[in-house]
Amino acid sequence: MKKHRFLFEKNLMSEHLDSDDKELINQLLNVLRLKVGETVLLFDGAGSEISAKIISLDRQKVVFGKIEKVAKVSKEGRDVTLYCSILKKENFEIVVQKATEIGVNKIVPIITSRTVKFGFKEDRLLKIIKEACEQCGRASQPKIESPLKFEEAINEAKKTNKINIIFDQSGEKIGKLKSDKIAIFIGPEGGWTKEELIMAKKDGFVIGLLGNLTLRAETAGIVGSYEAINGF
């Protein structure tokens, strides 16, 4: 039977781990109805995970006892940063959720010439990332950065990544990539402007194509993330 996983942002080296986190306690008591003596998996969001037993549990506090020593969970796939235009409605949240499940290392919201929505609820995104990590088995959480303007994002990416790909219908299919540090750029609902594509190409970006069909921005974010992690 698959063990339940929970983010536990404390030192997992401790013999006894306690928490008064109301959300965690509610999950254990009321949602999953777990009992003293049952085992769960705890991860710290930085790559470590342990198996732990519930020692005591009430409405005020939960205490775990470690039953397996800390193991460093290796990251699979490439180191991928997703630069994604802030999308309308819940679409940006969907991209963040799925990019987390796929294994993206960092997510950077960007503001482009055709971006319509300029803000988002960071607390909401952090909760989505936490729950996605608990569900999919990741022990490390992707970072969510502060929004950058398109030119700022271009300048940052070219300094920190070996390969940078900006996806557009005018691009070409990506061949095999040997680099393990990649950034991908996903545009807004209205697409990139000609000037933005010229700027990216001038700075050495690859103009990539995700397929012959025109994808919605949120779909492109998910497909692009998967391809970048697992290899084109």
Protein backbone atom coordinates (compact mmCIF):
# COMPACT_ATOMS: atom_id res chain seq x y z
CA MET A 1 0.00 0.00 0.00
CA LYS A 2 1.34 3.40 -0.98
CA LYS A 3 2.33 5.59 1.96
CA HIS A 4 0.96 9.10 2.33
CA ARG A 5 3.56 11.86 1.82
CA PHE A 6 3.75 15.22 3.59
CA LEU A 7 6.00 18.25 3.36
CA PHE A 8 7.75 18.70 6.72
CA GLU A 9 10.01 21.74 6.68
CA LYS A 10 12.06 20.87 9.74
CA ASN A 11 15.31 19.04 10.39
CA LEU A 12 14.65 15.44 9.39
CA MET A 13 17.75 14.31 11.31
CA SER A 14 15.88 14.66 14.62
CA GLU A 15 14.78 11.46 16.33
CA HIS A 16 11.39 12.89 17.21
CA LEU A 17 9.66 15.28 14.89
CA ASP A 18 6.70 17.30 16.07
CA SER A 19 4.43 19.85 14.43
CA ASP A 20 1.47 22.04 15.36
CA ASP A 21 0.67 22.78 11.70
CA LYS A 22 -3.15 22.90 11.66
CA GLU A 23 -3.37 21.95 7.98
CA LEU A 24 -1.16 18.89 8.47
CA ILE A 25 -3.05 17.81 11.58
CA ASN A 26 -6.39 18.20 9.80
CA GLN A 27 -5.10 16.04 6.92
CA LEU A 28 -3.98 13.33 9.29
CA LEU A 29 -6.99 13.36 11.62
CA ASN A 30 -10.00 14.33 9.54
CA VAL A 31 -9.16 13.72 5.88
CA LEU A 32 -7.06 10.55 5.96
CA ARG A 33 -8.10 9.42 9.47
CA LEU A 34 -4.66 8.06 10.24
CA LYS A 35 -3.96 6.49 13.62
CA VAL A 36 -1.06 6.33 16.05
CA GLY A 37 1.35 3.63 14.86
CA GLU A 38 0.76 4.17 11.14
CA THR A 39 3.68 5.18 8.94
CA VAL A 40 3.99 8.05 6.48
CA LEU A 41 6.70 9.62 4.33
CA LEU A 42 8.04 13.06 5.26
CA PHE A 43 10.12 15.20 2.90
CA ASP A 44 11.75 18.56 3.56
CA GLY A 45 11.39 20.19 0.13
CA ALA A 46 15.16 20.25 -0.32
CA GLY A 47 15.67 16.67 -1.48
CA SER A 48 15.56 14.59 1.70
CA GLU A 49 12.87 12.09 2.65
CA ILE A 50 12.26 9.71 5.55
CA SER A 51 9.78 7.08 6.59
CA ALA A 52 8.22 7.97 9.97
CA LYS A 53 5.72 6.52 12.43
CA ILE A 54 2.98 8.56 14.10
CA ILE A 55 3.87 8.49 17.82
CA SER A 56 1.05 10.74 19.05
CA LEU A 57 -1.69 12.72 17.36
CA ASP A 58 -4.36 15.10 18.62
CA ARG A 59 -5.93 18.36 17.49
CA GLN A 60 -3.01 20.40 18.82
CA LYS A 61 0.09 18.48 17.86
CA VAL A 62 1.48 15.50 15.95
CA VAL A 63 4.70 13.72 16.88
CA PHE A 64 6.54 11.43 14.48
CA GLY A 65 9.29 8.94 15.17
CA LYS A 66 11.84 8.29 12.46
CA ILE A 67 12.02 4.64 11.43
CA GLU A 68 14.38 4.98 8.46
CA LYS A 69 17.35 7.30 8.27
CA VAL A 70 17.33 10.28 5.99
CA ALA A 71 17.90 9.44 2.36
CA LYS A 72 18.83 12.02 -0.22
CA VAL A 73 16.47 11.63 -3.14
CA SER A 74 18.26 12.15 -6.42
CA LYS A 75 16.77 14.47 -8.99
CA GLU A 76 15.77 12.84 -12.24
CA GLY A 77 16.15 14.40 -15.65
CA ARG A 78 17.64 17.73 -16.56
CA ASP A 79 17.86 20.97 -14.61
CA VAL A 80 15.05 22.89 -16.32
CA THR A 81 13.85 26.44 -15.67
CA LEU A 82 10.42 27.37 -16.99
CA TYR A 83 9.91 31.01 -17.94
CA CYS A 84 6.18 31.37 -18.49
CA SER A 85 4.06 34.41 -19.21
CA ILE A 86 1.47 34.98 -16.49
CA LEU A 87 -1.73 33.48 -17.92
CA LYS A 88 -5.38 34.31 -17.36
CA LYS A 89 -7.75 32.65 -14.91
CA GLU A 90 -6.51 29.39 -13.40
CA ASN A 91 -4.32 28.53 -16.40
CA PHE A 92 -1.09 29.73 -14.81
CA GLU A 93 -1.85 27.64 -11.72
CA ILE A 94 -2.33 24.58 -13.94
CA VAL A 95 1.08 25.15 -15.56
CA VAL A 96 2.76 25.51 -12.14
CA GLN A 97 1.09 22.35 -10.87
CA LYS A 98 1.99 20.21 -13.87
CA ALA A 99 5.52 21.62 -14.20
CA THR A 100 6.08 20.61 -10.57
CA GLU A 101 4.84 17.07 -11.23
CA ILE A 102 7.02 16.80 -14.34
CA GLY A 103 10.17 17.85 -12.47
CA VAL A 104 10.92 21.48 -13.41
CA ASN A 105 13.50 22.97 -11.04
CA LYS A 106 12.49 26.64 -11.17
CA ILE A 107 9.48 28.61 -12.43
CA VAL A 108 9.82 32.26 -13.39
CA PRO A 109 6.66 34.26 -14.24
CA ILE A 110 7.33 36.74 -17.03
CA ILE A 111 5.57 39.83 -18.36
CA THR A 112 5.64 40.18 -22.14
CA SER A 113 4.25 42.71 -24.61
CA ARG A 114 1.00 40.74 -24.92
CA THR A 115 0.64 39.64 -21.31
CA VAL A 116 -2.87 40.49 -20.12
CA LYS A 117 -2.68 39.43 -16.47
CA PHE A 118 0.13 40.89 -14.36
CA GLY A 119 -0.39 39.44 -10.90
CA PHE A 120 -0.93 36.15 -9.10
CA LYS A 121 -1.36 34.90 -5.54
CA GLU A 122 2.03 33.62 -4.44
CA ASP A 123 0.61 31.84 -1.37
CA ARG A 124 -1.81 29.99 -3.63
CA LEU A 125 1.00 28.89 -5.96
CA LEU A 126 3.17 27.73 -3.06
CA LYS A 127 0.28 25.60 -1.79
CA ILE A 128 -0.21 24.12 -5.27
CA ILE A 129 3.52 23.29 -5.47
CA LYS A 130 3.48 21.70 -2.00
CA GLU A 131 0.46 19.51 -2.81
CA ALA A 132 1.88 18.55 -6.20
CA CYS A 133 5.15 17.43 -4.58
CA GLU A 134 3.25 15.39 -1.99
CA GLN A 135 1.22 13.72 -4.72
CA CYS A 136 3.90 13.00 -7.31
CA GLY A 137 6.75 11.83 -5.08
CA ARG A 138 9.16 14.76 -5.40
CA ALA A 139 11.33 15.45 -2.37
CA SER A 140 12.50 18.84 -3.64
CA GLN A 141 10.19 21.76 -4.35
CA PRO A 142 10.70 23.93 -7.44
CA LYS A 143 11.40 27.57 -6.73
CA ILE A 144 8.84 30.16 -7.79
CA GLU A 145 10.55 33.47 -8.54
CA SER A 146 9.32 37.05 -8.65
CA PRO A 147 7.97 38.16 -12.05
CA LEU A 148 10.42 39.52 -14.60
CA LYS A 149 9.89 41.62 -17.68
CA PHE A 150 10.70 39.77 -20.90
CA GLU A 151 14.02 41.54 -21.48
CA GLU A 152 15.08 40.89 -17.87
CA ALA A 153 14.21 37.22 -18.24
CA ILE A 154 16.21 36.95 -21.48
CA ASN A 155 19.26 38.51 -19.85
CA GLU A 156 18.99 36.23 -16.80
CA ALA A 157 18.52 33.05 -18.83
CA LYS A 158 21.45 33.59 -21.16
CA LYS A 159 23.77 34.01 -18.16
CA THR A 160 22.63 30.93 -16.25
CA ASN A 161 21.63 28.27 -18.79
CA LYS A 162 23.54 26.39 -21.45
CA ILE A 163 20.59 26.16 -23.83
CA ASN A 164 17.61 28.53 -24.01
CA ILE A 165 14.53 27.68 -26.05
CA ILE A 166 11.64 29.99 -26.86
CA PHE A 167 8.66 28.14 -28.29
CA ASP A 168 6.73 29.60 -31.21
CA GLN A 169 4.83 28.33 -34.26
CA SER A 170 7.49 29.91 -36.47
CA GLY A 171 10.18 27.72 -34.93
CA GLU A 172 11.67 24.35 -35.85
CA LYS A 173 11.44 20.98 -34.17
CA ILE A 174 14.11 20.48 -31.53
CA GLY A 175 16.68 17.77 -32.06
CA LYS A 176 18.53 15.85 -29.36
CA LEU A 177 19.95 18.13 -26.70
CA LYS A 178 23.07 17.15 -24.79
CA SER A 179 23.00 19.91 -22.19
CA ASP A 180 21.69 19.21 -18.70
CA LYS A 181 20.84 22.85 -17.91
CA ILE A 182 18.02 24.24 -20.05
CA ALA A 183 15.54 27.10 -19.93
CA ILE A 184 12.30 27.18 -21.89
CA PHE A 185 10.13 30.21 -22.60
CA ILE A 186 6.34 30.02 -22.99
CA GLY A 187 4.48 33.06 -24.29
CA PRO A 188 1.09 34.53 -23.43
CA GLU A 189 -2.29 33.72 -24.97
CA GLY A 190 -1.61 36.18 -27.79
CA GLY A 191 1.85 34.82 -28.55
CA TRP A 192 5.20 36.56 -28.89
CA THR A 193 5.70 39.76 -30.82
CA LYS A 194 8.09 39.83 -33.77
CA GLU A 195 10.39 42.10 -31.76
CA GLU A 196 10.56 39.65 -28.85
CA LEU A 197 11.50 36.76 -31.12
CA ILE A 198 14.19 38.86 -32.80
CA MET A 199 15.59 39.83 -29.38
CA ALA A 200 15.68 36.21 -28.24
CA LYS A 201 17.30 34.97 -31.44
CA LYS A 202 19.91 37.74 -31.26
CA ASP A 203 20.86 36.50 -27.79
CA GLY A 204 21.39 32.96 -29.03
CA PHE A 205 18.01 31.45 -28.17
CA VAL A 206 16.69 28.50 -30.13
CA ILE A 207 13.25 29.14 -31.64
CA GLY A 208 11.55 25.81 -31.02
CA LEU A 209 8.36 24.14 -32.27
CA LEU A 210 6.28 21.80 -30.12
CA GLY A 211 4.30 20.32 -32.99
CA ASN A 212 2.26 21.13 -36.06
CA LEU A 213 -0.87 22.05 -34.10
CA THR A 214 -1.34 25.38 -32.36
CA LEU A 215 -1.32 24.73 -28.62
CA ARG A 216 -2.93 26.83 -25.93
CA ALA A 217 -0.38 28.60 -23.74
CA GLU A 218 -1.00 26.35 -20.74
CA THR A 219 -0.73 23.22 -22.90
CA ALA A 220 2.53 24.48 -24.39
CA GLY A 221 3.87 25.04 -20.86
CA ILE A 222 3.12 21.47 -19.86
CA VAL A 223 4.32 19.81 -23.09
CA GLY A 224 7.42 22.00 -23.27
CA SER A 225 8.34 21.18 -19.67
CA TYR A 226 7.96 17.46 -20.26
CA GLU A 227 10.06 17.51 -23.41
CA ALA A 228 12.79 19.58 -21.76
CA ILE A 229 13.01 17.26 -18.74
CA ASN A 230 12.90 13.98 -20.62
CA GLY A 231 14.70 14.89 -23.82
CA PHE A 232 13.45 16.08 -27.17
